[in-house]
Amino acid sequence: MGHLLVIESWVGSMSRLLPAALHQGGHEFTFVTRDPHHYLRGLPADEGPHPLLSARAVVTADTNDLDALVPDLAALHQTLRFDGVLSSCDYYLPAVARAARALGLPGPAPEAVEAACRKDLTRRALAAAGVPGPRYALCADTTGARTAARGLGYPLVVKPVDLCAGMLVRAVRDARELERACRDLAAFPVNARGQHRHPAILLEELLTGPEVSVETVTAGGTTHVVGVTDKSVGGAPAFVETGHMFPAGIERAAAGRAAATARRAVEALGLDQVVCHTELKLTPDGPRVVEVNPRPAGNRITELVRHVTGVDLAAACVDVALGRAPDLAPRPTGVRSAAIAFLLPGADGVLAAIDGADTVRDRPEVLELALTAPGRAVTPATSNNAYLGHVMTADPHGPGARAAAERLLAGLTPRYTTAVPA
């Protein structure tokens, strides 16, 4: 079977799902990271050894310096002989594409991945191809943002061009809120992986309507739609994902329009040999693309898809990295809908306990219950990085999984102790 080069990963669920898919497929992998300890910090003792430790080898290299990294990987390839390259972390997807090209391995075009991973470049490519999205402006600084905002008109969304998980994405209603959002962006010049951020500010019109994501797999130049997931969002003026359901609880025609628009977006960016998670708003004027992520969905959406269809998107990610045709044939699972609801902190403090867990855990509709251990310092959520846990549910009869997940989540009550020092 295959030997894959894995360049970094997220620390969350995909850091477990991707190694599991590799091993279930009979593959092995070598893991390259700038900091192996990053993946071991805070690992719950009851979850056993971290799956990244099952790698054939763990190699330390400066994954943030592409000019040095690619020659190092080429030298490593001469010894270990890789069959594919992949990552689950957005910040290293361009490195994966560049490494695949340099090593002569399957993979998407680096230019396409870089465009998908930079929200401003995505906007430019989609607009040139006529794929519908919000009106937008790219601004160099706060002064430029003030001028652009007058032309676009409020309310607006302020975004960094190169962060993930909804970090520092804000809705603004006036010039005062705009300036505050721009200051917050300027105060965050380096991302969580030590990479210097692009300082540009992206302004977009605030789209209205339900939000969905389309899960696709592109292989051999053909984009296959696996399905459409719906999404709930809270935390205004931030945009925090509070839950998902697969398949989306929308009309079939609306799901078809969303899928067609997502396929056009993937093709407009020139993406191939890639699993994509494309987010859209279903506005009164039709679907509008929010962003295109050239990797499997996070927030355990891949697990919702698997529970309903039997399709394993993590395994598909491995297959396309190896240049193989993925198995995307749905199969009966006994589940008609699956949903996840996230528990968010609602106060400043230190988590003392989450009450109600035993009652929720014993419910027959529960697929997963994962909760943060006491002792974590928290503040009210402003991004998807703040979750205190989740409930995942299944409905074998119809689209009732979301209602079940939300009802059970309401039975979980966080308690806090000492306030976090200012």
Protein backbone atom coordinates (compact mmCIF):
# COMPACT_ATOMS: atom_id res chain seq x y z
CA MET A 1 0.00 0.00 0.00
CA GLY A 2 1.03 3.64 0.14
CA HIS A 3 3.51 5.62 2.19
CA LEU A 4 2.27 9.19 2.68
CA LEU A 5 4.08 12.29 3.79
CA VAL A 6 1.90 14.24 6.24
CA ILE A 7 2.92 17.88 6.74
CA GLU A 8 1.50 19.12 10.04
CA SER A 9 -2.14 18.63 11.08
CA TRP A 10 -4.82 20.17 13.21
CA VAL A 11 -4.77 19.16 16.87
CA GLY A 12 -8.52 18.43 16.93
CA SER A 13 -10.58 15.57 15.54
CA MET A 14 -8.97 15.46 12.10
CA SER A 15 -5.61 14.70 13.76
CA ARG A 16 -7.25 11.40 14.72
CA LEU A 17 -9.51 10.81 11.71
CA LEU A 18 -6.77 11.19 9.12
CA PRO A 19 -4.29 8.73 10.73
CA ALA A 20 -7.19 6.32 11.25
CA ALA A 21 -8.09 6.53 7.55
CA LEU A 22 -4.46 5.89 6.63
CA HIS A 23 -4.22 2.79 8.77
CA GLN A 24 -7.62 1.45 7.76
CA GLY A 25 -6.50 1.73 4.15
CA GLY A 26 -3.37 -0.27 4.91
CA HIS A 27 -1.07 2.74 4.46
CA GLU A 28 1.75 4.15 6.57
CA PHE A 29 2.87 7.73 6.99
CA THR A 30 5.81 9.91 7.92
CA PHE A 31 4.91 13.02 9.87
CA VAL A 32 6.81 16.29 9.40
CA THR A 33 6.39 19.12 11.90
CA ARG A 34 8.26 22.09 13.26
CA ASP A 35 7.14 21.22 16.82
CA PRO A 36 6.20 17.64 17.75
CA HIS A 37 5.17 18.74 21.25
CA HIS A 38 2.44 20.95 19.76
CA TYR A 39 0.37 17.79 19.23
CA LEU A 40 0.85 16.37 22.72
CA ARG A 41 0.04 19.39 24.86
CA GLY A 42 -3.26 19.05 26.67
CA LEU A 43 -3.99 15.56 25.30
CA PRO A 44 -6.55 13.90 27.62
CA ALA A 45 -4.97 10.91 29.36
CA ASP A 46 -8.06 8.73 28.82
CA GLU A 47 -7.81 8.98 25.03
CA GLY A 48 -4.67 6.88 24.86
CA PRO A 49 -1.56 7.48 22.74
CA HIS A 50 -1.86 10.20 20.16
CA PRO A 51 -2.39 8.65 16.70
CA LEU A 52 0.38 10.79 15.22
CA LEU A 53 2.75 8.71 17.33
CA SER A 54 1.89 5.74 15.11
CA ALA A 55 3.80 7.35 12.25
CA ARG A 56 6.61 5.38 10.63
CA ALA A 57 8.80 8.38 11.41
CA VAL A 58 8.40 11.84 12.92
CA VAL A 59 10.71 14.37 11.29
CA THR A 60 11.36 17.85 12.65
CA ALA A 61 11.75 20.56 10.00
CA ASP A 62 10.82 24.20 9.59
CA THR A 63 7.47 23.74 7.89
CA ASN A 64 6.99 27.53 7.79
CA ASP A 65 9.98 28.07 5.47
CA LEU A 66 8.86 26.62 2.15
CA ASP A 67 12.05 27.51 0.32
CA ALA A 68 14.03 25.37 2.76
CA LEU A 69 11.35 22.76 3.41
CA VAL A 70 10.78 21.57 -0.16
CA PRO A 71 14.46 20.63 -0.82
CA ASP A 72 14.58 18.90 2.58
CA LEU A 73 11.49 16.88 1.68
CA ALA A 74 12.96 16.01 -1.70
CA ALA A 75 16.04 14.62 0.04
CA LEU A 76 13.83 12.70 2.47
CA HIS A 77 11.88 11.32 -0.48
CA GLN A 78 15.05 9.80 -1.90
CA THR A 79 15.38 7.68 1.25
CA LEU A 80 11.80 7.00 2.36
CA ARG A 81 10.00 7.06 -1.03
CA PHE A 82 6.61 8.71 -0.60
CA ASP A 83 3.52 7.96 -2.68
CA GLY A 84 1.53 11.04 -1.72
CA VAL A 85 1.49 14.20 0.39
CA LEU A 86 -1.32 15.60 2.52
CA SER A 87 -2.30 17.70 5.55
CA SER A 88 -5.50 18.49 7.40
CA CYS A 89 -4.31 21.97 8.45
CA ASP A 90 -5.28 24.93 6.26
CA TYR A 91 -2.04 26.76 6.99
CA TYR A 92 0.03 23.97 5.40
CA LEU A 93 -2.09 23.09 2.36
CA PRO A 94 0.06 25.32 0.08
CA ALA A 95 3.17 23.51 1.37
CA VAL A 96 1.55 20.16 0.54
CA ALA A 97 0.79 21.26 -3.02
CA ARG A 98 4.29 22.62 -3.57
CA ALA A 99 5.88 19.49 -2.12
CA ALA A 100 3.74 17.21 -4.29
CA ARG A 101 4.78 19.09 -7.42
CA ALA A 102 8.47 19.09 -6.46
CA LEU A 103 8.42 15.37 -5.65
CA GLY A 104 6.44 14.43 -8.76
CA LEU A 105 3.51 13.11 -6.71
CA PRO A 106 -0.26 13.50 -7.22
CA GLY A 107 -1.80 16.70 -5.92
CA PRO A 108 -3.60 19.92 -6.77
CA ALA A 109 -1.83 22.78 -8.51
CA PRO A 110 -0.04 24.96 -5.94
CA GLU A 111 -1.45 28.10 -7.54
CA ALA A 112 -4.99 26.79 -7.13
CA VAL A 113 -4.48 25.87 -3.47
CA GLU A 114 -2.87 29.21 -2.68
CA ALA A 115 -5.84 30.99 -4.25
CA ALA A 116 -8.30 28.90 -2.23
CA CYS A 117 -6.40 29.49 1.02
CA ARG A 118 -6.34 33.28 0.57
CA LYS A 119 -9.83 34.75 0.75
CA ASP A 120 -8.93 37.77 -1.39
CA LEU A 121 -7.47 35.59 -4.15
CA THR A 122 -10.57 33.39 -3.99
CA ARG A 123 -12.79 36.42 -4.44
CA ARG A 124 -10.78 37.55 -7.45
CA ALA A 125 -10.82 34.13 -9.14
CA LEU A 126 -14.53 33.56 -8.57
CA ALA A 127 -15.48 37.03 -9.76
CA ALA A 128 -13.44 36.55 -12.95
CA ALA A 129 -15.30 33.28 -13.60
CA GLY A 130 -18.72 34.75 -12.85
CA VAL A 131 -19.31 32.61 -9.76
CA PRO A 132 -21.67 34.55 -7.47
CA GLY A 133 -20.35 35.93 -4.20
CA PRO A 134 -20.71 39.07 -2.09
CA ARG A 135 -19.63 42.49 -3.24
CA TYR A 136 -16.22 43.08 -1.71
CA ALA A 137 -13.18 45.33 -1.41
CA LEU A 138 -9.58 44.55 -0.49
CA CYS A 139 -8.03 47.24 1.68
CA ALA A 140 -4.44 47.86 2.73
CA ASP A 141 -5.27 49.58 6.01
CA THR A 142 -7.99 51.19 8.11
CA THR A 143 -8.01 54.35 6.02
CA GLY A 144 -8.64 52.34 2.88
CA ALA A 145 -11.29 50.32 4.68
CA ARG A 146 -13.18 53.47 5.69
CA THR A 147 -13.22 54.65 2.09
CA ALA A 148 -14.27 51.25 0.72
CA ALA A 149 -17.01 50.89 3.33
CA ARG A 150 -18.65 54.10 2.16
CA GLY A 151 -18.83 52.65 -1.34
CA LEU A 152 -20.09 49.22 -0.30
CA GLY A 153 -22.48 50.45 2.37
CA TYR A 154 -23.12 49.03 5.85
CA PRO A 155 -23.64 46.46 7.30
CA LEU A 156 -20.42 44.74 6.27
CA VAL A 157 -18.25 41.79 7.21
CA VAL A 158 -14.60 42.42 8.07
CA LYS A 159 -12.27 39.46 7.44
CA PRO A 160 -8.61 38.56 7.59
CA VAL A 161 -7.57 37.02 4.29
CA ASP A 162 -5.62 34.13 5.81
CA LEU A 163 -7.06 32.91 9.12
CA CYS A 164 -9.31 29.93 9.87
CA ALA A 165 -12.15 28.89 12.20
CA GLY A 166 -13.87 32.26 11.93
CA MET A 167 -11.05 34.02 13.77
CA LEU A 168 -11.44 37.83 13.74
CA VAL A 169 -14.34 37.72 11.27
CA ARG A 170 -16.79 40.39 12.40
CA ALA A 171 -20.02 42.00 11.25
CA VAL A 172 -19.86 45.81 11.51
CA ARG A 173 -22.69 48.31 11.33
CA ASP A 174 -20.84 51.61 11.21
CA ALA A 175 -17.43 53.30 10.96
CA ARG A 176 -16.75 52.96 14.69
CA GLU A 177 -17.24 49.19 14.65
CA LEU A 178 -15.22 48.97 11.44
CA GLU A 179 -12.23 50.72 13.02
CA ARG A 180 -12.39 48.46 16.07
CA ALA A 181 -12.41 45.35 13.86
CA CYS A 182 -9.45 46.69 11.84
CA ARG A 183 -7.50 47.37 15.06
CA ASP A 184 -8.13 43.81 16.23
CA LEU A 185 -6.79 42.47 12.95
CA ALA A 186 -3.69 44.66 13.12
CA ALA A 187 -3.01 43.40 16.66
CA PHE A 188 -2.79 39.79 15.40
CA PRO A 189 0.16 39.77 12.95
CA VAL A 190 1.17 36.10 13.45
CA ASN A 191 -1.13 33.08 13.31
CA ALA A 192 -1.23 30.18 15.78
CA ARG A 193 1.46 28.33 13.80
CA GLY A 194 3.96 31.17 13.91
CA GLN A 195 3.37 32.29 10.32
CA HIS A 196 3.30 36.00 9.57
CA ARG A 197 -0.10 37.05 8.30
CA HIS A 198 -0.89 39.06 5.21
CA PRO A 199 -1.98 42.46 6.61
CA ALA A 200 -4.73 43.14 4.04
CA ILE A 201 -8.32 43.68 5.19
CA LEU A 202 -11.20 42.12 3.27
CA LEU A 203 -14.59 43.86 3.37
CA GLU A 204 -17.68 42.04 2.12
CA GLU A 205 -21.35 42.84 2.02
CA LEU A 206 -23.27 41.06 4.77
CA LEU A 207 -25.21 38.29 3.03
CA THR A 208 -28.57 37.14 4.38
CA GLY A 209 -30.13 33.69 4.26
CA PRO A 210 -29.41 30.16 5.52
CA GLU A 211 -25.80 28.99 5.41
CA VAL A 212 -24.77 25.59 4.06
CA SER A 213 -21.63 23.79 3.02
CA VAL A 214 -21.16 21.50 0.04
CA GLU A 215 -18.82 18.55 0.48
CA THR A 216 -17.10 17.58 -2.77
CA VAL A 217 -14.31 15.36 -4.03
CA THR A 218 -12.48 16.31 -7.22
CA ALA A 219 -10.43 13.63 -8.94
CA GLY A 220 -9.25 13.34 -12.53
CA GLY A 221 -10.77 16.71 -13.38
CA THR A 222 -14.30 15.78 -12.26
CA THR A 223 -15.96 17.20 -9.15
CA HIS A 224 -18.31 14.83 -7.33
CA VAL A 225 -20.84 16.28 -4.88
CA VAL A 226 -21.12 14.05 -1.80
CA GLY A 227 -23.83 16.17 -0.19
CA VAL A 228 -24.95 19.42 1.39
CA THR A 229 -24.65 20.20 5.11
CA ASP A 230 -26.58 22.95 6.85
CA LYS A 231 -25.16 25.22 9.52
CA SER A 232 -26.28 27.32 12.46
CA VAL A 233 -24.27 30.38 13.43
CA GLY A 234 -24.20 32.46 16.62
CA GLY A 235 -21.93 34.73 18.62
CA ALA A 236 -22.78 37.99 16.83
CA PRO A 237 -21.00 40.16 15.84
CA ALA A 238 -18.63 37.20 15.40
CA PHE A 239 -19.59 34.18 13.30
CA VAL A 240 -19.34 31.07 15.49
CA GLU A 241 -20.63 27.79 14.08
CA THR A 242 -23.01 26.37 16.67
CA GLY A 243 -24.15 23.25 14.83
CA HIS A 244 -24.52 21.27 11.59
CA MET A 245 -26.83 18.68 10.11
CA PHE A 246 -26.34 16.31 7.18
CA PRO A 247 -28.14 16.23 4.87
CA ALA A 248 -29.17 19.86 5.01
CA GLY A 249 -32.75 20.50 6.05
CA ILE A 250 -33.55 22.49 2.90
CA GLU A 251 -35.60 21.86 -0.23
CA ARG A 252 -34.07 19.58 -2.84
CA ALA A 253 -34.03 22.35 -5.45
CA ALA A 254 -32.13 24.69 -3.11
CA ALA A 255 -29.62 21.94 -2.34
CA GLY A 256 -29.15 21.36 -6.06
CA ARG A 257 -28.48 25.04 -6.72
CA ALA A 258 -25.97 25.15 -3.85
CA ALA A 259 -24.20 22.05 -5.16
CA ALA A 260 -23.99 23.45 -8.70
CA THR A 261 -22.55 26.73 -7.43
CA ALA A 262 -19.97 24.95 -5.28
CA ARG A 263 -18.90 22.83 -8.23
CA ARG A 264 -18.43 25.98 -10.32
CA ALA A 265 -16.34 27.54 -7.55
CA VAL A 266 -14.03 24.53 -7.28
CA GLU A 267 -13.58 24.48 -11.04
CA ALA A 268 -13.02 28.25 -11.23
CA LEU A 269 -10.13 27.94 -8.79
CA GLY A 270 -8.61 25.13 -10.86
CA LEU A 271 -8.65 22.64 -7.99
CA ASP A 272 -8.14 18.93 -8.73
CA GLN A 273 -7.14 15.87 -6.68
CA VAL A 274 -8.69 17.43 -3.60
CA VAL A 275 -11.54 17.11 -1.11
CA CYS A 276 -13.31 20.46 -0.69
CA HIS A 277 -15.64 22.03 1.84
CA THR A 278 -17.34 25.03 0.19
CA GLU A 279 -19.47 27.34 2.32
CA LEU A 280 -22.36 29.29 0.81
CA LYS A 281 -25.21 31.57 1.79
CA LEU A 282 -28.61 30.85 0.26
CA THR A 283 -29.63 34.44 -0.33
CA PRO A 284 -32.96 35.60 -1.82
CA ASP A 285 -31.03 36.09 -5.07
CA GLY A 286 -29.58 32.59 -5.06
CA PRO A 287 -26.47 30.88 -3.63
CA ARG A 288 -23.42 33.04 -2.94
CA VAL A 289 -20.02 31.56 -2.15
CA VAL A 290 -18.57 32.48 1.25
CA GLU A 291 -15.33 30.50 0.95
CA VAL A 292 -13.76 27.40 -0.58
CA ASN A 293 -11.66 25.19 1.70
CA PRO A 294 -9.46 22.70 -0.19
CA ARG A 295 -9.57 20.03 2.53
CA PRO A 296 -12.20 17.88 4.28
CA ALA A 297 -14.69 19.71 6.46
CA GLY A 298 -13.90 20.28 10.12
CA ASN A 299 -16.25 20.29 13.11
CA ARG A 300 -16.77 16.55 12.56
CA ILE A 301 -18.92 17.15 9.49
CA THR A 302 -17.03 14.28 7.85
CA GLU A 303 -18.43 12.02 10.57
CA LEU A 304 -21.98 13.25 9.94
CA VAL A 305 -21.54 12.38 6.27
CA ARG A 306 -20.14 8.95 7.11
CA HIS A 307 -22.95 8.10 9.51
CA VAL A 308 -25.60 8.91 6.88
CA THR A 309 -24.00 7.80 3.61
CA GLY A 310 -21.16 5.49 4.56
CA VAL A 311 -18.80 7.70 2.54
CA ASP A 312 -15.52 8.35 4.40
CA LEU A 313 -14.18 11.75 3.33
CA ALA A 314 -10.96 11.29 5.29
CA ALA A 315 -10.32 8.11 3.30
CA ALA A 316 -11.20 9.99 0.10
CA CYS A 317 -8.59 12.61 1.03
CA VAL A 318 -5.99 9.84 1.28
CA ASP A 319 -7.08 8.31 -2.03
CA VAL A 320 -6.83 11.53 -4.04
CA ALA A 321 -3.43 12.27 -2.48
CA LEU A 322 -2.32 8.89 -3.85
CA GLY A 323 -3.83 9.60 -7.26
CA ARG A 324 -6.46 6.91 -6.80
CA ALA A 325 -10.19 7.02 -7.50
CA PRO A 326 -11.97 7.37 -4.14
CA ASP A 327 -14.94 5.22 -3.17
CA LEU A 328 -17.85 7.66 -3.10
CA ALA A 329 -20.70 5.19 -3.50
CA PRO A 330 -23.30 5.73 -0.76
CA ARG A 331 -24.46 2.66 1.14
CA PRO A 332 -27.29 2.02 3.63
CA THR A 333 -26.36 2.93 7.18
CA GLY A 334 -29.73 2.96 8.93
CA VAL A 335 -29.34 6.72 9.56
CA ARG A 336 -31.41 9.31 7.68
CA SER A 337 -29.89 12.42 9.30
CA ALA A 338 -27.00 13.17 11.66
CA ALA A 339 -26.32 16.41 13.48
CA ILE A 340 -23.86 18.02 15.86
CA ALA A 341 -24.45 20.86 18.33
CA PHE A 342 -21.59 22.68 20.05
CA LEU A 343 -21.47 23.85 23.66
CA LEU A 344 -20.17 27.41 23.93
CA PRO A 345 -18.90 29.24 27.00
CA GLY A 346 -21.18 32.07 27.98
CA ALA A 347 -19.06 33.76 30.64
CA ASP A 348 -15.52 34.55 31.75
CA GLY A 349 -14.10 32.12 34.25
CA VAL A 350 -12.52 28.74 34.85
CA LEU A 351 -14.63 25.73 33.91
CA ALA A 352 -15.57 23.83 37.08
CA ALA A 353 -17.94 21.23 35.62
CA ILE A 354 -20.55 20.57 32.96
CA ASP A 355 -23.77 19.38 34.56
CA GLY A 356 -26.21 17.02 32.83
CA ALA A 357 -23.69 14.91 30.95
CA ASP A 358 -24.82 11.54 32.35
CA THR A 359 -28.43 12.11 31.29
CA VAL A 360 -27.42 13.10 27.78
CA ARG A 361 -24.89 10.30 27.36
CA ASP A 362 -27.51 7.61 28.02
CA ARG A 363 -29.89 8.76 25.28
CA PRO A 364 -30.24 6.26 22.39
CA GLU A 365 -30.01 8.95 19.71
CA VAL A 366 -26.56 10.08 20.87
CA LEU A 367 -23.64 9.07 18.64
CA GLU A 368 -21.01 11.13 20.48
CA LEU A 369 -20.74 13.23 23.58
CA ALA A 370 -17.42 15.01 24.05
CA LEU A 371 -16.88 17.57 26.81
CA THR A 372 -13.94 19.68 27.94
CA ALA A 373 -12.40 18.68 31.26
CA PRO A 374 -12.66 21.07 34.23
CA GLY A 375 -9.88 23.58 34.76
CA ARG A 376 -9.92 25.32 31.40
CA ALA A 377 -9.98 29.12 31.44
CA VAL A 378 -12.68 30.43 29.10
CA THR A 379 -14.22 33.62 27.76
CA PRO A 380 -17.37 34.03 25.64
CA ALA A 381 -16.86 32.46 22.20
CA THR A 382 -15.67 34.62 19.32
CA SER A 383 -14.49 31.81 17.01
CA ASN A 384 -14.84 28.07 16.46
CA ASN A 385 -11.81 27.50 18.69
CA ALA A 386 -13.81 28.12 21.88
CA TYR A 387 -16.05 25.06 22.09
CA LEU A 388 -16.56 23.30 25.43
CA GLY A 389 -17.74 20.14 23.72
CA HIS A 390 -20.42 18.72 21.46
CA VAL A 391 -23.37 16.37 21.16
CA MET A 392 -23.77 14.32 17.96
CA THR A 393 -27.09 12.63 17.25
CA ALA A 394 -28.69 10.40 14.61
CA ASP A 395 -32.26 10.02 13.39
CA PRO A 396 -33.02 6.72 11.62
CA HIS A 397 -36.37 7.94 10.31
CA GLY A 398 -35.96 11.47 8.92
CA PRO A 399 -34.52 14.96 9.39
CA GLY A 400 -34.88 15.09 13.17
CA ALA A 401 -31.23 14.88 14.17
CA ARG A 402 -30.73 18.64 14.54
CA ALA A 403 -33.72 19.11 16.84
CA ALA A 404 -32.49 16.20 18.97
CA ALA A 405 -28.95 17.57 19.21
CA GLU A 406 -30.15 21.03 20.17
CA ARG A 407 -32.58 19.65 22.76
CA LEU A 408 -29.89 17.54 24.39
CA LEU A 409 -27.35 20.36 24.30
CA ALA A 410 -29.82 22.51 26.25
CA GLY A 411 -29.53 19.95 29.06
CA LEU A 412 -25.80 20.63 29.48
CA THR A 413 -24.93 23.46 31.87
CA PRO A 414 -21.35 24.72 32.31
CA ARG A 415 -20.36 25.96 35.79
CA TYR A 416 -17.47 28.33 36.37
CA THR A 417 -15.29 29.31 39.29
CA THR A 418 -12.62 31.99 39.59
CA ALA A 419 -12.81 34.69 36.95
CA VAL A 420 -9.94 34.91 34.48
CA PRO A 421 -7.61 37.82 35.39
CA ALA A 422 -7.95 40.80 33.07
